Amino acid sequence: MGPEGPGQVPYGYPHAGYPGGAPAQGYPGWGGVPPLPSNGMGVASLVLGIIAAAAFCLWPVAIVLGVLAVIFGAIGRGKANRGEATNGGQALAGVICGAVGSALALAFGVIVLVT
């Protein structure tokens, strides 16, 4: 270490421009970190919708999963419209897959119960 201190802080070191670390949030020059998008509902909707559409032969389970996919997808689309999430298309795909999976499962269940 030299007589003037440890030297220059390497490039990319967090908060290198502020001696003693970063200033607290709310101070001038530091806007804070924006919140991360909450994409969980859209992802859950798509996963449940795909499972419901693929496993429609298990019709009681597929109907429940399809309905949950539609509900989670609607919540996810609402979050995307408000700017809280970034996967509105994924949530829409979950709604579509959930509705198709529920319809297939319902038709399959009717066929099984009638015959």
PDB file of N, CA and C in Angstrom:
ATOM      1  N   MET A   1       0.853  -1.157   0.000  1.00  0.00           N
ATOM      2  CA  MET A   1       0.000   0.000   0.000  1.00  0.00           C
ATOM      3  C   MET A   1       0.905   1.228   0.000  1.00  0.00           C
ATOM      4  N   GLY A   2       0.541   2.197  -0.825  1.00  0.00           N
ATOM      5  CA  GLY A   2       1.333   3.415  -0.924  1.00  0.00           C
ATOM      6  C   GLY A   2       1.005   4.397   0.186  1.00  0.00           C
ATOM      7  N   PRO A   3       1.785   5.469   0.299  1.00  0.00           N
ATOM      8  CA  PRO A   3       1.551   6.447   1.359  1.00  0.00           C
ATOM      9  C   PRO A   3       0.237   7.206   1.199  1.00  0.00           C
ATOM     10  N   GLU A   4      -0.326   7.230  -0.023  1.00  0.00           N
ATOM     11  CA  GLU A   4      -1.585   7.952  -0.222  1.00  0.00           C
ATOM     12  C   GLU A   4      -2.820   7.064  -0.064  1.00  0.00           C
ATOM     13  N   GLY A   5      -2.649   5.834   0.325  1.00  0.00           N
ATOM     14  CA  GLY A   5      -3.791   4.946   0.547  1.00  0.00           C
ATOM     15  C   GLY A   5      -3.725   3.723  -0.352  1.00  0.00           C
ATOM     16  N   PRO A   6      -4.832   3.006  -0.444  1.00  0.00           N
ATOM     17  CA  PRO A   6      -4.836   1.752  -1.190  1.00  0.00           C
ATOM     18  C   PRO A   6      -4.791   1.933  -2.691  1.00  0.00           C
ATOM     19  N   GLY A   7      -4.921   3.118  -3.186  1.00  0.00           N
ATOM     20  CA  GLY A   7      -4.870   3.322  -4.634  1.00  0.00           C
ATOM     21  C   GLY A   7      -6.256   3.449  -5.216  1.00  0.00           C
ATOM     22  N   GLN A   8      -6.319   3.391  -6.549  1.00  0.00           N
ATOM     23  CA  GLN A   8      -7.578   3.557  -7.247  1.00  0.00           C
ATOM     24  C   GLN A   8      -8.421   2.283  -7.101  1.00  0.00           C
ATOM     25  N   VAL A   9      -9.711   2.497  -6.900  1.00  0.00           N
ATOM     26  CA  VAL A   9     -10.638   1.376  -6.796  1.00  0.00           C
ATOM     27  C   VAL A   9     -10.814   0.787  -8.192  1.00  0.00           C
ATOM     28  N   PRO A  10     -10.753  -0.545  -8.322  1.00  0.00           N
ATOM     29  CA  PRO A  10     -10.878  -1.146  -9.652  1.00  0.00           C
ATOM     30  C   PRO A  10     -12.222  -0.847 -10.303  1.00  0.00           C
ATOM     31  N   TYR A  11     -12.208  -0.845 -11.635  1.00  0.00           N
ATOM     32  CA  TYR A  11     -13.421  -0.584 -12.412  1.00  0.00           C
ATOM     33  C   TYR A  11     -14.458  -1.665 -12.114  1.00  0.00           C
ATOM     34  N   GLY A  12     -15.709  -1.247 -11.950  1.00  0.00           N
ATOM     35  CA  GLY A  12     -16.785  -2.195 -11.705  1.00  0.00           C
ATOM     36  C   GLY A  12     -17.015  -2.490 -10.241  1.00  0.00           C
ATOM     37  N   TYR A  13     -16.194  -1.943  -9.360  1.00  0.00           N
ATOM     38  CA  TYR A  13     -16.384  -2.163  -7.927  1.00  0.00           C
ATOM     39  C   TYR A  13     -17.660  -1.452  -7.515  1.00  0.00           C
ATOM     40  N   PRO A  14     -18.534  -2.124  -6.759  1.00  0.00           N
ATOM     41  CA  PRO A  14     -19.812  -1.493  -6.435  1.00  0.00           C
ATOM     42  C   PRO A  14     -19.649  -0.206  -5.649  1.00  0.00           C
ATOM     43  N   HIS A  15     -20.362   0.798  -6.067  1.00  0.00           N
ATOM     44  CA  HIS A  15     -20.405   2.102  -5.419  1.00  0.00           C
ATOM     45  C   HIS A  15     -19.012   2.731  -5.329  1.00  0.00           C
ATOM     46  N   ALA A  16     -18.246   2.622  -6.414  1.00  0.00           N
ATOM     47  CA  ALA A  16     -16.878   3.119  -6.414  1.00  0.00           C
ATOM     48  C   ALA A  16     -16.821   4.641  -6.322  1.00  0.00           C
ATOM     49  N   GLY A  17     -17.881   5.327  -6.750  1.00  0.00           N
ATOM     50  CA  GLY A  17     -17.836   6.772  -6.753  1.00  0.00           C
ATOM     51  C   GLY A  17     -18.137   7.413  -5.418  1.00  0.00           C
ATOM     52  N   TYR A  18     -18.550   6.645  -4.435  1.00  0.00           N
ATOM     53  CA  TYR A  18     -18.926   7.205  -3.150  1.00  0.00           C
ATOM     54  C   TYR A  18     -17.958   6.731  -2.075  1.00  0.00           C
ATOM     55  N   PRO A  19     -17.227   7.647  -1.459  1.00  0.00           N
ATOM     56  CA  PRO A  19     -16.337   7.218  -0.379  1.00  0.00           C
ATOM     57  C   PRO A  19     -17.149   6.710   0.806  1.00  0.00           C
ATOM     58  N   GLY A  20     -16.767   5.575   1.306  1.00  0.00           N
ATOM     59  CA  GLY A  20     -17.469   5.000   2.441  1.00  0.00           C
ATOM     60  C   GLY A  20     -18.713   4.231   2.053  1.00  0.00           C
ATOM     61  N   GLY A  21     -18.909   3.988   0.775  1.00  0.00           N
ATOM     62  CA  GLY A  21     -20.072   3.217   0.333  1.00  0.00           C
ATOM     63  C   GLY A  21     -21.110   4.110  -0.318  1.00  0.00           C
ATOM     64  N   ALA A  22     -22.223   3.528  -0.654  1.00  0.00           N
ATOM     65  CA  ALA A  22     -23.283   4.257  -1.339  1.00  0.00           C
ATOM     66  C   ALA A  22     -24.100   5.068  -0.337  1.00  0.00           C
ATOM     67  N   PRO A  23     -24.602   6.229  -0.766  1.00  0.00           N
ATOM     68  CA  PRO A  23     -25.466   6.989   0.127  1.00  0.00           C
ATOM     69  C   PRO A  23     -26.794   6.256   0.311  1.00  0.00           C
ATOM     70  N   ALA A  24     -27.476   6.591   1.379  1.00  0.00           N
ATOM     71  CA  ALA A  24     -28.763   5.958   1.656  1.00  0.00           C
ATOM     72  C   ALA A  24     -29.775   6.352   0.594  1.00  0.00           C
ATOM     73  N   GLN A  25     -30.793   5.535   0.441  1.00  0.00           N
ATOM     74  CA  GLN A  25     -31.806   5.835  -0.557  1.00  0.00           C
ATOM     75  C   GLN A  25     -32.503   7.134  -0.216  1.00  0.00           C
ATOM     76  N   GLY A  26     -32.869   7.852  -1.257  1.00  0.00           N
ATOM     77  CA  GLY A  26     -33.576   9.103  -1.063  1.00  0.00           C
ATOM     78  C   GLY A  26     -32.668  10.319  -1.124  1.00  0.00           C
ATOM     79  N   TYR A  27     -31.366  10.121  -1.061  1.00  0.00           N
ATOM     80  CA  TYR A  27     -30.449  11.241  -1.160  1.00  0.00           C
ATOM     81  C   TYR A  27     -30.230  11.583  -2.629  1.00  0.00           C
ATOM     82  N   PRO A  28     -29.882  12.825  -2.918  1.00  0.00           N
ATOM     83  CA  PRO A  28     -29.646  13.216  -4.310  1.00  0.00           C
ATOM     84  C   PRO A  28     -28.516  12.393  -4.918  1.00  0.00           C
ATOM     85  N   GLY A  29     -28.722  11.981  -6.138  1.00  0.00           N
ATOM     86  CA  GLY A  29     -27.703  11.205  -6.833  1.00  0.00           C
ATOM     87  C   GLY A  29     -27.897   9.710  -6.704  1.00  0.00           C
ATOM     88  N   TRP A  30     -28.821   9.282  -5.889  1.00  0.00           N
ATOM     89  CA  TRP A  30     -29.051   7.849  -5.718  1.00  0.00           C
ATOM     90  C   TRP A  30     -30.555   7.624  -5.742  1.00  0.00           C
ATOM     91  N   GLY A  31     -31.040   7.118  -6.855  1.00  0.00           N
ATOM     92  CA  GLY A  31     -32.465   6.904  -7.018  1.00  0.00           C
ATOM     93  C   GLY A  31     -32.959   5.617  -6.404  1.00  0.00           C
ATOM     94  N   GLY A  32     -32.059   4.759  -5.982  1.00  0.00           N
ATOM     95  CA  GLY A  32     -32.472   3.480  -5.441  1.00  0.00           C
ATOM     96  C   GLY A  32     -32.589   2.439  -6.542  1.00  0.00           C
ATOM     97  N   VAL A  33     -32.825   1.237  -6.145  1.00  0.00           N
ATOM     98  CA  VAL A  33     -32.939   0.141  -7.088  1.00  0.00           C
ATOM     99  C   VAL A  33     -34.416  -0.074  -7.395  1.00  0.00           C
ATOM    100  N   PRO A  34     -34.795  -0.133  -8.675  1.00  0.00           N
ATOM    101  CA  PRO A  34     -36.206  -0.370  -8.986  1.00  0.00           C
ATOM    102  C   PRO A  34     -36.600  -1.790  -8.589  1.00  0.00           C
ATOM    103  N   PRO A  35     -37.844  -1.997  -8.224  1.00  0.00           N
ATOM    104  CA  PRO A  35     -38.276  -3.344  -7.824  1.00  0.00           C
ATOM    105  C   PRO A  35     -38.233  -4.302  -9.007  1.00  0.00           C
ATOM    106  N   LEU A  36     -37.961  -5.555  -8.708  1.00  0.00           N
ATOM    107  CA  LEU A  36     -37.946  -6.579  -9.746  1.00  0.00           C
ATOM    108  C   LEU A  36     -39.374  -6.894 -10.177  1.00  0.00           C
ATOM    109  N   PRO A  37     -39.558  -7.280 -11.445  1.00  0.00           N
ATOM    110  CA  PRO A  37     -40.915  -7.624 -11.869  1.00  0.00           C
ATOM    111  C   PRO A  37     -41.389  -8.907 -11.188  1.00  0.00           C
ATOM    112  N   SER A  38     -42.667  -8.948 -10.862  1.00  0.00           N
ATOM    113  CA  SER A  38     -43.231 -10.138 -10.222  1.00  0.00           C
ATOM    114  C   SER A  38     -43.931 -10.975 -11.291  1.00  0.00           C
ATOM    115  N   ASN A  39     -43.161 -11.864 -11.914  1.00  0.00           N
ATOM    116  CA  ASN A  39     -43.647 -12.664 -13.029  1.00  0.00           C
ATOM    117  C   ASN A  39     -44.169 -14.026 -12.606  1.00  0.00           C
ATOM    118  N   GLY A  40     -44.320 -14.271 -11.334  1.00  0.00           N
ATOM    119  CA  GLY A  40     -44.691 -15.594 -10.854  1.00  0.00           C
ATOM    120  C   GLY A  40     -46.064 -16.061 -11.310  1.00  0.00           C
ATOM    121  N   MET A  41     -47.036 -15.175 -11.353  1.00  0.00           N
ATOM    122  CA  MET A  41     -48.384 -15.577 -11.740  1.00  0.00           C
ATOM    123  C   MET A  41     -48.443 -15.993 -13.207  1.00  0.00           C
ATOM    124  N   GLY A  42     -47.752 -15.274 -14.062  1.00  0.00           N
ATOM    125  CA  GLY A  42     -47.739 -15.642 -15.483  1.00  0.00           C
ATOM    126  C   GLY A  42     -47.055 -16.972 -15.717  1.00  0.00           C
ATOM    127  N   VAL A  43     -45.955 -17.203 -15.016  1.00  0.00           N
ATOM    128  CA  VAL A  43     -45.232 -18.471 -15.151  1.00  0.00           C
ATOM    129  C   VAL A  43     -46.090 -19.619 -14.626  1.00  0.00           C
ATOM    130  N   ALA A  44     -46.700 -19.433 -13.461  1.00  0.00           N
ATOM    131  CA  ALA A  44     -47.558 -20.480 -12.890  1.00  0.00           C
ATOM    132  C   ALA A  44     -48.740 -20.770 -13.811  1.00  0.00           C
ATOM    133  N   SER A  45     -49.308 -19.737 -14.402  1.00  0.00           N
ATOM    134  CA  SER A  45     -50.432 -19.922 -15.309  1.00  0.00           C
ATOM    135  C   SER A  45     -50.034 -20.753 -16.520  1.00  0.00           C
ATOM    136  N   LEU A  46     -48.885 -20.434 -17.103  1.00  0.00           N
ATOM    137  CA  LEU A  46     -48.449 -21.174 -18.285  1.00  0.00           C
ATOM    138  C   LEU A  46     -48.127 -22.623 -17.954  1.00  0.00           C
ATOM    139  N   VAL A  47     -47.454 -22.852 -16.846  1.00  0.00           N
ATOM    140  CA  VAL A  47     -47.111 -24.224 -16.451  1.00  0.00           C
ATOM    141  C   VAL A  47     -48.371 -25.036 -16.194  1.00  0.00           C
ATOM    142  N   LEU A  48     -49.306 -24.488 -15.425  1.00  0.00           N
ATOM    143  CA  LEU A  48     -50.541 -25.206 -15.133  1.00  0.00           C
ATOM    144  C   LEU A  48     -51.382 -25.420 -16.387  1.00  0.00           C
ATOM    145  N   GLY A  49     -51.398 -24.436 -17.276  1.00  0.00           N
ATOM    146  CA  GLY A  49     -52.154 -24.583 -18.518  1.00  0.00           C
ATOM    147  C   GLY A  49     -51.587 -25.666 -19.413  1.00  0.00           C
ATOM    148  N   ILE A  50     -50.261 -25.748 -19.504  1.00  0.00           N
ATOM    149  CA  ILE A  50     -49.638 -26.792 -20.317  1.00  0.00           C
ATOM    150  C   ILE A  50     -49.904 -28.168 -19.722  1.00  0.00           C
ATOM    151  N   ILE A  51     -49.799 -28.273 -18.403  1.00  0.00           N
ATOM    152  CA  ILE A  51     -50.074 -29.562 -17.757  1.00  0.00           C
ATOM    153  C   ILE A  51     -51.531 -29.957 -17.968  1.00  0.00           C
ATOM    154  N   ALA A  52     -52.450 -29.004 -17.840  1.00  0.00           N
ATOM    155  CA  ALA A  52     -53.875 -29.301 -18.031  1.00  0.00           C
ATOM    156  C   ALA A  52     -54.155 -29.750 -19.465  1.00  0.00           C
ATOM    157  N   ALA A  53     -53.533 -29.099 -20.437  1.00  0.00           N
ATOM    158  CA  ALA A  53     -53.769 -29.467 -21.834  1.00  0.00           C
ATOM    159  C   ALA A  53     -53.117 -30.802 -22.181  1.00  0.00           C
ATOM    160  N   ALA A  54     -51.971 -31.083 -21.601  1.00  0.00           N
ATOM    161  CA  ALA A  54     -51.266 -32.322 -21.930  1.00  0.00           C
ATOM    162  C   ALA A  54     -51.854 -33.527 -21.201  1.00  0.00           C
ATOM    163  N   ALA A  55     -52.382 -33.318 -20.021  1.00  0.00           N
ATOM    164  CA  ALA A  55     -52.878 -34.432 -19.202  1.00  0.00           C
ATOM    165  C   ALA A  55     -54.396 -34.391 -19.103  1.00  0.00           C
ATOM    166  N   PHE A  56     -55.072 -34.088 -20.208  1.00  0.00           N
ATOM    167  CA  PHE A  56     -56.531 -33.985 -20.144  1.00  0.00           C
ATOM    168  C   PHE A  56     -57.197 -35.333 -19.891  1.00  0.00           C
ATOM    169  N   CYS A  57     -56.465 -36.435 -20.095  1.00  0.00           N
ATOM    170  CA  CYS A  57     -57.031 -37.759 -19.815  1.00  0.00           C
ATOM    171  C   CYS A  57     -57.304 -37.942 -18.323  1.00  0.00           C
ATOM    172  N   LEU A  58     -56.566 -37.260 -17.496  1.00  0.00           N
ATOM    173  CA  LEU A  58     -56.848 -37.242 -16.055  1.00  0.00           C
ATOM    174  C   LEU A  58     -57.819 -36.091 -15.811  1.00  0.00           C
ATOM    175  N   TRP A  59     -59.021 -36.236 -16.332  1.00  0.00           N
ATOM    176  CA  TRP A  59     -59.925 -35.111 -16.480  1.00  0.00           C
ATOM    177  C   TRP A  59     -60.298 -34.389 -15.189  1.00  0.00           C
ATOM    178  N   PRO A  60     -60.463 -35.033 -14.034  1.00  0.00           N
ATOM    179  CA  PRO A  60     -60.785 -34.212 -12.849  1.00  0.00           C
ATOM    180  C   PRO A  60     -59.630 -33.285 -12.461  1.00  0.00           C
ATOM    181  N   VAL A  61     -58.415 -33.811 -12.562  1.00  0.00           N
ATOM    182  CA  VAL A  61     -57.233 -33.008 -12.224  1.00  0.00           C
ATOM    183  C   VAL A  61     -57.026 -31.912 -13.255  1.00  0.00           C
ATOM    184  N   ALA A  62     -57.212 -32.250 -14.529  1.00  0.00           N
ATOM    185  CA  ALA A  62     -56.988 -31.282 -15.602  1.00  0.00           C
ATOM    186  C   ALA A  62     -57.984 -30.126 -15.540  1.00  0.00           C
ATOM    187  N   ILE A  63     -59.218 -30.410 -15.137  1.00  0.00           N
ATOM    188  CA  ILE A  63     -60.204 -29.322 -15.015  1.00  0.00           C
ATOM    189  C   ILE A  63     -59.776 -28.341 -13.932  1.00  0.00           C
ATOM    190  N   VAL A  64     -59.340 -28.868 -12.794  1.00  0.00           N
ATOM    191  CA  VAL A  64     -58.900 -28.001 -11.688  1.00  0.00           C
ATOM    192  C   VAL A  64     -57.669 -27.199 -12.102  1.00  0.00           C
ATOM    193  N   LEU A  65     -56.695 -27.870 -12.732  1.00  0.00           N
ATOM    194  CA  LEU A  65     -55.480 -27.167 -13.159  1.00  0.00           C
ATOM    195  C   LEU A  65     -55.783 -26.109 -14.217  1.00  0.00           C
ATOM    196  N   GLY A  66     -56.710 -26.417 -15.118  1.00  0.00           N
ATOM    197  CA  GLY A  66     -57.079 -25.445 -16.150  1.00  0.00           C
ATOM    198  C   GLY A  66     -57.745 -24.218 -15.570  1.00  0.00           C
ATOM    199  N   VAL A  67     -58.630 -24.430 -14.603  1.00  0.00           N
ATOM    200  CA  VAL A  67     -59.296 -23.287 -13.955  1.00  0.00           C
ATOM    201  C   VAL A  67     -58.276 -22.443 -13.195  1.00  0.00           C
ATOM    202  N   LEU A  68     -57.353 -23.102 -12.485  1.00  0.00           N
ATOM    203  CA  LEU A  68     -56.296 -22.347 -11.788  1.00  0.00           C
ATOM    204  C   LEU A  68     -55.416 -21.582 -12.772  1.00  0.00           C
ATOM    205  N   ALA A  69     -55.131 -22.184 -13.920  1.00  0.00           N
ATOM    206  CA  ALA A  69     -54.317 -21.501 -14.931  1.00  0.00           C
ATOM    207  C   ALA A  69     -55.018 -20.248 -15.439  1.00  0.00           C
ATOM    208  N   VAL A  70     -56.325 -20.337 -15.654  1.00  0.00           N
ATOM    209  CA  VAL A  70     -57.078 -19.166 -16.118  1.00  0.00           C
ATOM    210  C   VAL A  70     -57.072 -18.071 -15.048  1.00  0.00           C
ATOM    211  N   ILE A  71     -57.262 -18.457 -13.796  1.00  0.00           N
ATOM    212  CA  ILE A  71     -57.272 -17.468 -12.705  1.00  0.00           C
ATOM    213  C   ILE A  71     -55.907 -16.808 -12.558  1.00  0.00           C
ATOM    214  N   PHE A  72     -54.848 -17.628 -12.495  1.00  0.00           N
ATOM    215  CA  PHE A  72     -53.501 -17.063 -12.345  1.00  0.00           C
ATOM    216  C   PHE A  72     -53.118 -16.219 -13.556  1.00  0.00           C
ATOM    217  N   GLY A  73     -53.546 -16.640 -14.734  1.00  0.00           N
ATOM    218  CA  GLY A  73     -53.256 -15.864 -15.940  1.00  0.00           C
ATOM    219  C   GLY A  73     -53.937 -14.511 -15.934  1.00  0.00           C
ATOM    220  N   ALA A  74     -55.170 -14.478 -15.451  1.00  0.00           N
ATOM    221  CA  ALA A  74     -55.879 -13.193 -15.375  1.00  0.00           C
ATOM    222  C   ALA A  74     -55.189 -12.260 -14.375  1.00  0.00           C
ATOM    223  N   ILE A  75     -54.750 -12.817 -13.255  1.00  0.00           N
ATOM    224  CA  ILE A  75     -54.017 -11.996 -12.281  1.00  0.00           C
ATOM    225  C   ILE A  75     -52.691 -11.529 -12.874  1.00  0.00           C
ATOM    226  N   GLY A  76     -52.000 -12.420 -13.575  1.00  0.00           N
ATOM    227  CA  GLY A  76     -50.726 -12.064 -14.209  1.00  0.00           C
ATOM    228  C   GLY A  76     -50.879 -11.007 -15.282  1.00  0.00           C
ATOM    229  N   ARG A  77     -51.962 -11.092 -16.078  1.00  0.00           N
ATOM    230  CA  ARG A  77     -52.216 -10.062 -17.097  1.00  0.00           C
ATOM    231  C   ARG A  77     -52.493  -8.708 -16.438  1.00  0.00           C
ATOM    232  N   GLY A  78     -53.215  -8.735 -15.324  1.00  0.00           N
ATOM    233  CA  GLY A  78     -53.469  -7.485 -14.604  1.00  0.00           C
ATOM    234  C   GLY A  78     -52.185  -6.857 -14.099  1.00  0.00           C
ATOM    235  N   LYS A  79     -51.286  -7.695 -13.576  1.00  0.00           N
ATOM    236  CA  LYS A  79     -49.993  -7.176 -13.114  1.00  0.00           C
ATOM    237  C   LYS A  79     -49.187  -6.619 -14.276  1.00  0.00           C
ATOM    238  N   ALA A  80     -49.236  -7.293 -15.417  1.00  0.00           N
ATOM    239  CA  ALA A  80     -48.493  -6.812 -16.585  1.00  0.00           C
ATOM    240  C   ALA A  80     -49.064  -5.488 -17.086  1.00  0.00           C
ATOM    241  N   ASN A  81     -50.362  -5.337 -17.053  1.00  0.00           N
ATOM    242  CA  ASN A  81     -50.983  -4.084 -17.494  1.00  0.00           C
ATOM    243  C   ASN A  81     -50.658  -2.931 -16.557  1.00  0.00           C
ATOM    244  N   ARG A  82     -50.472  -3.228 -15.256  1.00  0.00           N
ATOM    245  CA  ARG A  82     -50.103  -2.187 -14.294  1.00  0.00           C
ATOM    246  C   ARG A  82     -48.599  -1.910 -14.286  1.00  0.00           C
ATOM    247  N   GLY A  83     -47.819  -2.713 -15.007  1.00  0.00           N
ATOM    248  CA  GLY A  83     -46.379  -2.509 -15.054  1.00  0.00           C
ATOM    249  C   GLY A  83     -45.620  -3.224 -13.957  1.00  0.00           C
ATOM    250  N   GLU A  84     -46.283  -4.079 -13.184  1.00  0.00           N
ATOM    251  CA  GLU A  84     -45.621  -4.813 -12.114  1.00  0.00           C
ATOM    252  C   GLU A  84     -44.931  -6.074 -12.624  1.00  0.00           C
ATOM    253  N   ALA A  85     -45.305  -6.543 -13.808  1.00  0.00           N
ATOM    254  CA  ALA A  85     -44.728  -7.751 -14.397  1.00  0.00           C
ATOM    255  C   ALA A  85     -44.379  -7.467 -15.851  1.00  0.00           C
ATOM    256  N   THR A  86     -43.513  -8.305 -16.403  1.00  0.00           N
ATOM    257  CA  THR A  86     -43.067  -8.104 -17.787  1.00  0.00           C
ATOM    258  C   THR A  86     -43.459  -9.254 -18.698  1.00  0.00           C
ATOM    259  N   ASN A  87     -44.284 -10.174 -18.229  1.00  0.00           N
ATOM    260  CA  ASN A  87     -44.612 -11.343 -19.043  1.00  0.00           C
ATOM    261  C   ASN A  87     -46.110 -11.448 -19.299  1.00  0.00           C
ATOM    262  N   GLY A  88     -46.685 -10.408 -19.857  1.00  0.00           N
ATOM    263  CA  GLY A  88     -48.109 -10.422 -20.163  1.00  0.00           C
ATOM    264  C   GLY A  88     -48.471 -11.452 -21.212  1.00  0.00           C
ATOM    265  N   GLY A  89     -47.602 -11.648 -22.193  1.00  0.00           N
ATOM    266  CA  GLY A  89     -47.846 -12.660 -23.219  1.00  0.00           C
ATOM    267  C   GLY A  89     -47.816 -14.068 -22.657  1.00  0.00           C
ATOM    268  N   GLN A  90     -46.936 -14.295 -21.731  1.00  0.00           N
ATOM    269  CA  GLN A  90     -46.845 -15.603 -21.089  1.00  0.00           C
ATOM    270  C   GLN A  90     -48.109 -15.872 -20.273  1.00  0.00           C
ATOM    271  N   ALA A  91     -48.610 -14.869 -19.592  1.00  0.00           N
ATOM    272  CA  ALA A  91     -49.845 -15.022 -18.828  1.00  0.00           C
ATOM    273  C   ALA A  91     -51.027 -15.280 -19.762  1.00  0.00           C
ATOM    274  N   LEU A  92     -51.051 -14.600 -20.904  1.00  0.00           N
ATOM    275  CA  LEU A  92     -52.116 -14.826 -21.882  1.00  0.00           C
ATOM    276  C   LEU A  92     -52.048 -16.244 -22.435  1.00  0.00           C
ATOM    277  N   ALA A  93     -50.848 -16.724 -22.718  1.00  0.00           N
ATOM    278  CA  ALA A  93     -50.689 -18.104 -23.188  1.00  0.00           C
ATOM    279  C   ALA A  93     -51.157 -19.091 -22.127  1.00  0.00           C
ATOM    280  N   GLY A  94     -50.934 -18.780 -20.855  1.00  0.00           N
ATOM    281  CA  GLY A  94     -51.418 -19.625 -19.773  1.00  0.00           C
ATOM    282  C   GLY A  94     -52.933 -19.658 -19.714  1.00  0.00           C
ATOM    283  N   VAL A  95     -53.563 -18.515 -19.946  1.00  0.00           N
ATOM    284  CA  VAL A  95     -55.032 -18.464 -19.958  1.00  0.00           C
ATOM    285  C   VAL A  95     -55.566 -19.321 -21.101  1.00  0.00           C
ATOM    286  N   ILE A  96     -54.956 -19.192 -22.267  1.00  0.00           N
ATOM    287  CA  ILE A  96     -55.414 -19.951 -23.433  1.00  0.00           C
ATOM    288  C   ILE A  96     -55.206 -21.444 -23.218  1.00  0.00           C
ATOM    289  N   CYS A  97     -54.015 -21.834 -22.775  1.00  0.00           N
ATOM    290  CA  CYS A  97     -53.742 -23.258 -22.531  1.00  0.00           C
ATOM    291  C   CYS A  97     -54.642 -23.814 -21.432  1.00  0.00           C
ATOM    292  N   GLY A  98     -54.895 -23.041 -20.395  1.00  0.00           N
ATOM    293  CA  GLY A  98     -55.777 -23.487 -19.322  1.00  0.00           C
ATOM    294  C   GLY A  98     -57.209 -23.676 -19.794  1.00  0.00           C
ATOM    295  N   ALA A  99     -57.687 -22.752 -20.616  1.00  0.00           N
ATOM    296  CA  ALA A  99     -59.051 -22.873 -21.133  1.00  0.00           C
ATOM    297  C   ALA A  99     -59.175 -24.072 -22.072  1.00  0.00           C
ATOM    298  N   VAL A 100     -58.188 -24.254 -22.938  1.00  0.00           N
ATOM    299  CA  VAL A 100     -58.205 -25.406 -23.847  1.00  0.00           C
ATOM    300  C   VAL A 100     -58.095 -26.707 -23.063  1.00  0.00           C
ATOM    301  N   GLY A 101     -57.215 -26.738 -22.071  1.00  0.00           N
ATOM    302  CA  GLY A 101     -57.066 -27.937 -21.250  1.00  0.00           C
ATOM    303  C   GLY A 101     -58.330 -28.273 -20.480  1.00  0.00           C
ATOM    304  N   SER A 102     -58.979 -27.253 -19.936  1.00  0.00           N
ATOM    305  CA  SER A 102     -60.242 -27.491 -19.218  1.00  0.00           C
ATOM    306  C   SER A 102     -61.333 -27.973 -20.166  1.00  0.00           C
ATOM    307  N   ALA A 103     -61.414 -27.378 -21.355  1.00  0.00           N
ATOM    308  CA  ALA A 103     -62.428 -27.802 -22.327  1.00  0.00           C
ATOM    309  C   ALA A 103     -62.187 -29.242 -22.776  1.00  0.00           C
ATOM    310  N   LEU A 104     -60.929 -29.588 -23.065  1.00  0.00           N
ATOM    311  CA  LEU A 104     -60.618 -30.971 -23.450  1.00  0.00           C
ATOM    312  C   LEU A 104     -60.939 -31.940 -22.330  1.00  0.00           C
ATOM    313  N   ALA A 105     -60.581 -31.582 -21.113  1.00  0.00           N
ATOM    314  CA  ALA A 105     -60.840 -32.458 -19.969  1.00  0.00           C
ATOM    315  C   ALA A 105     -62.338 -32.602 -19.724  1.00  0.00           C
ATOM    316  N   LEU A 106     -63.067 -31.522 -19.865  1.00  0.00           N
ATOM    317  CA  LEU A 106     -64.518 -31.576 -19.685  1.00  0.00           C
ATOM    318  C   LEU A 106     -65.158 -32.463 -20.745  1.00  0.00           C
ATOM    319  N   ALA A 107     -64.744 -32.305 -22.003  1.00  0.00           N
ATOM    320  CA  ALA A 107     -65.269 -33.166 -23.066  1.00  0.00           C
ATOM    321  C   ALA A 107     -64.900 -34.626 -22.843  1.00  0.00           C
ATOM    322  N   PHE A 108     -63.662 -34.860 -22.453  1.00  0.00           N
ATOM    323  CA  PHE A 108     -63.229 -36.230 -22.179  1.00  0.00           C
ATOM    324  C   PHE A 108     -64.007 -36.815 -21.013  1.00  0.00           C
ATOM    325  N   GLY A 109     -64.243 -36.036 -19.977  1.00  0.00           N
ATOM    326  CA  GLY A 109     -65.024 -36.503 -18.832  1.00  0.00           C
ATOM    327  C   GLY A 109     -66.458 -36.836 -19.202  1.00  0.00           C
ATOM    328  N   VAL A 110     -67.053 -36.023 -20.058  1.00  0.00           N
ATOM    329  CA  VAL A 110     -68.404 -36.302 -20.511  1.00  0.00           C
ATOM    330  C   VAL A 110     -68.440 -37.601 -21.312  1.00  0.00           C
ATOM    331  N   ILE A 111     -67.472 -37.775 -22.199  1.00  0.00           N
ATOM    332  CA  ILE A 111     -67.409 -39.006 -22.990  1.00  0.00           C
ATOM    333  C   ILE A 111     -67.241 -40.226 -22.097  1.00  0.00           C
ATOM    334  N   VAL A 112     -66.380 -40.117 -21.093  1.00  0.00           N
ATOM    335  CA  VAL A 112     -66.143 -41.249 -20.185  1.00  0.00           C
ATOM    336  C   VAL A 112     -67.398 -41.554 -19.378  1.00  0.00           C
ATOM    337  N   LEU A 113     -68.082 -40.548 -18.884  1.00  0.00           N
ATOM    338  CA  LEU A 113     -69.263 -40.774 -18.061  1.00  0.00           C
ATOM    339  C   LEU A 113     -70.463 -41.267 -18.867  1.00  0.00           C
ATOM    340  N   VAL A 114     -70.568 -40.855 -20.126  1.00  0.00           N
ATOM    341  CA  VAL A 114     -71.690 -41.272 -20.961  1.00  0.00           C
ATOM    342  C   VAL A 114     -71.516 -42.722 -21.405  1.00  0.00           C
ATOM    343  N   THR A 115     -70.309 -43.127 -21.737  1.00  0.00           N
ATOM    344  CA  THR A 115     -70.099 -44.499 -22.225  1.00  0.00           C
ATOM    345  C   THR A 115     -69.821 -45.479 -21.154  1.00  0.00           C
TER     346      THR A 115
END
